[in-house]
Amino acid sequence: MFPSHTHLPLSPLLPAMKTRMGPGLLLLIFLLPACLAAAGRETPYEKFQRQHVDTSGSWEPDPNRYCNLMMPRRNMTVFNCKDLNSFVHGALAMITAVCGSGGTQHHGNFYYSNSPFQVTDCQTTGASHWPHCVYRGDVHSKRICVACKNGQPVHYARPSVCSGP
C-alpha cells in the first residue's frame, strides 16, 4: 500500500503556483483564437470577411478611432501591427456579388466592382510599435478590387491592380 500524502498542506505552494501559471495561462487565453485561425480552421472566404468586411450599419464615424478599435478586434495586431488594411462597408451579398454580376473580371481571378463602396483604409502611424499598434484611418467611396475563388472574394487588392493596364 502506498502512503497517503493528502495530509501535507498545499497552501504554501499556492502563491508560487499562481505566480508561475498566471501569466502563461493569460497568454494562452489571448493567443488561442489567433492560433486556431492560423491552424487553418478559417477558410479563405472567412478570412476575407474577418479582415475586410464590415456589415454593421452603424460603424464608428471617426476613422482613426474606428481603425484603432477594429484592427485588434479582427485579430490583426496579435503578432505584429499589420501596416495597411481596408474595411469595406456594405452588405456581404453586395460585396460577394463583385465576383459575379456586381463586378467586371480583369486579369486572372481579379474582379473590379461596378459600383463604389464606402471603404475605410487603416494605416499604421509612426507611433506604432507592437504590441501598441496605432492607426490612422481614411474613409473613401471607391470601387473595390478583389481576387475571387469559386465565386467568393478571398483577397482584397489595391484598386490599381484592377484599373491598371
Protein backbone atom coordinates (compact mmCIF):
# COMPACT_ATOMS: atom_id res chain seq x y z
CA MET A 1 0.00 0.00 0.00
CA PHE A 2 1.27 3.49 -0.87
CA PRO A 3 1.43 6.14 1.82
CA SER A 4 -1.11 8.90 1.53
CA HIS A 5 0.31 12.41 1.23
CA THR A 6 -3.00 14.18 1.39
CA HIS A 7 -2.22 15.32 4.90
CA LEU A 8 0.56 17.62 3.62
CA PRO A 9 -0.50 21.27 3.48
CA LEU A 10 -0.54 22.71 -0.05
CA SER A 11 -1.22 26.30 0.92
CA PRO A 12 2.48 27.36 0.95
CA LEU A 13 2.74 26.21 -2.69
CA LEU A 14 -0.32 28.07 -3.98
CA PRO A 15 1.22 31.57 -4.22
CA ALA A 16 4.17 30.19 -6.21
CA MET A 17 1.84 28.23 -8.49
CA LYS A 18 -0.30 31.30 -9.12
CA THR A 19 2.77 33.40 -9.91
CA ARG A 20 4.16 30.83 -12.33
CA MET A 21 0.93 29.80 -14.01
CA GLY A 22 -0.89 33.15 -14.12
CA PRO A 23 0.96 34.90 -16.97
CA GLY A 24 1.24 31.70 -19.02
CA LEU A 25 -2.44 30.94 -18.71
CA LEU A 26 -3.32 34.53 -19.54
CA LEU A 27 -1.10 34.39 -22.64
CA LEU A 28 -2.76 31.14 -23.72
CA ILE A 29 -6.22 32.66 -23.36
CA PHE A 30 -5.31 35.64 -25.55
CA LEU A 31 -3.37 33.72 -28.20
CA LEU A 32 -5.71 30.74 -28.56
CA PRO A 33 -8.13 32.43 -31.02
CA ALA A 34 -5.25 33.53 -33.25
CA CYS A 35 -3.63 30.10 -33.11
CA LEU A 36 -6.89 28.41 -34.10
CA ALA A 37 -7.24 30.74 -37.08
CA ALA A 38 -3.62 30.14 -38.05
CA ALA A 39 -4.19 26.38 -37.83
CA GLY A 40 -6.38 26.59 -40.92
CA ARG A 41 -9.82 26.47 -39.35
CA GLU A 42 -10.69 29.64 -41.26
CA THR A 43 -11.49 29.34 -44.97
CA PRO A 44 -10.06 31.97 -47.35
CA TYR A 45 -13.57 33.48 -47.68
CA GLU A 46 -13.96 33.62 -43.88
CA LYS A 47 -10.53 35.23 -43.57
CA PHE A 48 -11.52 37.82 -46.21
CA GLN A 49 -14.68 38.60 -44.24
CA ARG A 50 -12.79 38.92 -40.95
CA GLN A 51 -10.11 41.17 -42.41
CA HIS A 52 -12.08 43.29 -44.86
CA VAL A 53 -15.87 43.24 -44.42
CA ASP A 54 -17.89 45.36 -42.02
CA THR A 55 -21.61 44.82 -42.46
CA SER A 56 -22.68 46.81 -39.39
CA GLY A 57 -24.83 49.75 -40.38
CA SER A 58 -23.58 51.99 -37.57
CA TRP A 59 -19.81 51.99 -37.77
CA GLU A 60 -17.66 54.46 -35.82
CA PRO A 61 -17.77 57.87 -37.59
CA ASP A 62 -14.20 58.84 -36.53
CA PRO A 63 -11.95 56.85 -38.92
CA ASN A 64 -8.94 56.94 -36.58
CA ARG A 65 -10.97 55.60 -33.67
CA TYR A 66 -12.64 53.06 -35.98
CA CYS A 67 -9.28 51.65 -37.11
CA ASN A 68 -7.87 51.54 -33.59
CA LEU A 69 -10.95 49.58 -32.46
CA MET A 70 -11.34 47.27 -35.46
CA MET A 71 -7.76 46.18 -36.13
CA PRO A 72 -7.33 44.43 -32.75
CA ARG A 73 -10.97 43.27 -32.71
CA ARG A 74 -10.40 41.47 -36.01
CA ASN A 75 -7.12 39.86 -34.75
CA MET A 76 -4.78 41.84 -37.00
CA THR A 77 -2.49 43.02 -34.20
CA VAL A 78 -1.85 39.67 -32.46
CA PHE A 79 1.73 39.02 -33.57
CA ASN A 80 2.59 42.36 -35.21
CA CYS A 81 0.96 45.61 -36.34
CA LYS A 82 -0.48 44.97 -39.80
CA ASP A 83 0.71 48.03 -41.75
CA LEU A 84 -2.28 48.54 -44.03
CA ASN A 85 -5.80 47.15 -44.13
CA SER A 86 -9.09 48.16 -45.74
CA PHE A 87 -12.61 47.59 -44.43
CA VAL A 88 -15.43 47.56 -46.97
CA HIS A 89 -18.76 48.78 -45.58
CA GLY A 90 -21.80 47.14 -47.08
CA ALA A 91 -23.96 44.06 -47.24
CA LEU A 92 -22.00 40.82 -47.57
CA ALA A 93 -24.15 39.79 -50.54
CA MET A 94 -23.25 43.02 -52.39
CA ILE A 95 -19.53 42.57 -51.70
CA THR A 96 -19.64 38.89 -52.73
CA ALA A 97 -21.53 39.85 -55.92
CA VAL A 98 -18.37 41.63 -57.12
CA CYS A 99 -17.17 38.12 -58.05
CA GLY A 100 -20.14 37.82 -60.42
CA SER A 101 -22.69 40.26 -61.83
CA GLY A 102 -21.59 43.07 -59.48
CA GLY A 103 -18.09 43.19 -60.92
CA THR A 104 -16.02 43.08 -64.08
CA GLN A 105 -13.35 40.43 -64.47
CA HIS A 106 -9.84 41.70 -65.08
CA HIS A 107 -6.67 39.67 -65.46
CA GLY A 108 -6.74 36.25 -63.82
CA ASN A 109 -9.20 35.95 -60.97
CA PHE A 110 -9.35 39.67 -60.11
CA TYR A 111 -12.69 41.47 -60.28
CA TYR A 112 -13.36 45.21 -60.14
CA SER A 113 -16.67 46.30 -58.61
CA ASN A 114 -19.11 48.01 -60.95
CA SER A 115 -20.23 50.37 -58.17
CA PRO A 116 -18.34 52.17 -55.41
CA PHE A 117 -18.38 51.11 -51.76
CA GLN A 118 -17.59 53.06 -48.60
CA VAL A 119 -14.10 51.89 -47.60
CA THR A 120 -12.07 52.71 -44.50
CA ASP A 121 -8.32 52.40 -45.08
CA CYS A 122 -6.31 51.84 -41.89
CA GLN A 123 -2.57 52.53 -41.86
CA THR A 124 -0.06 52.36 -39.03
CA THR A 125 1.38 55.63 -37.78
CA GLY A 126 4.96 56.33 -36.76
CA ALA A 127 3.84 55.78 -33.16
CA SER A 128 3.04 52.10 -33.85
CA HIS A 129 5.29 49.64 -32.08
CA TRP A 130 3.88 46.20 -31.40
CA PRO A 131 2.03 45.41 -29.18
CA HIS A 132 0.86 49.06 -29.07
CA CYS A 133 -0.43 49.45 -32.61
CA VAL A 134 -1.71 52.91 -33.58
CA TYR A 135 -3.68 53.51 -36.78
CA ARG A 136 -4.76 56.45 -38.90
CA GLY A 137 -7.96 55.94 -40.84
CA ASP A 138 -9.28 57.46 -44.07
CA VAL A 139 -12.76 56.92 -45.49
CA HIS A 140 -13.37 56.92 -49.24
CA SER A 141 -16.10 55.98 -51.66
CA LYS A 142 -14.40 53.84 -54.28
CA ARG A 143 -14.65 50.76 -56.43
CA ILE A 144 -13.01 47.70 -54.91
CA CYS A 145 -10.72 45.10 -56.45
CA VAL A 146 -10.88 41.53 -55.14
CA ALA A 147 -9.47 38.16 -56.09
CA CYS A 148 -12.21 35.54 -56.30
CA LYS A 149 -12.27 31.78 -55.92
CA ASN A 150 -15.42 29.74 -56.53
CA GLY A 151 -17.50 32.92 -56.76
CA GLN A 152 -16.31 34.28 -53.40
CA PRO A 153 -13.84 37.09 -52.60
CA VAL A 154 -10.68 35.73 -50.99
CA HIS A 155 -8.24 38.66 -51.29
CA TYR A 156 -8.59 42.46 -51.23
CA ALA A 157 -6.26 44.21 -53.66
CA ARG A 158 -5.37 47.83 -54.34
CA PRO A 159 -7.76 49.25 -56.96
CA SER A 160 -4.76 49.86 -59.24
CA VAL A 161 -4.43 46.08 -59.63
CA CYS A 162 -7.78 46.09 -61.46
CA SER A 163 -7.73 49.53 -63.08
CA GLY A 164 -4.20 49.39 -64.43
CA PRO A 165 -3.22 48.35 -67.98
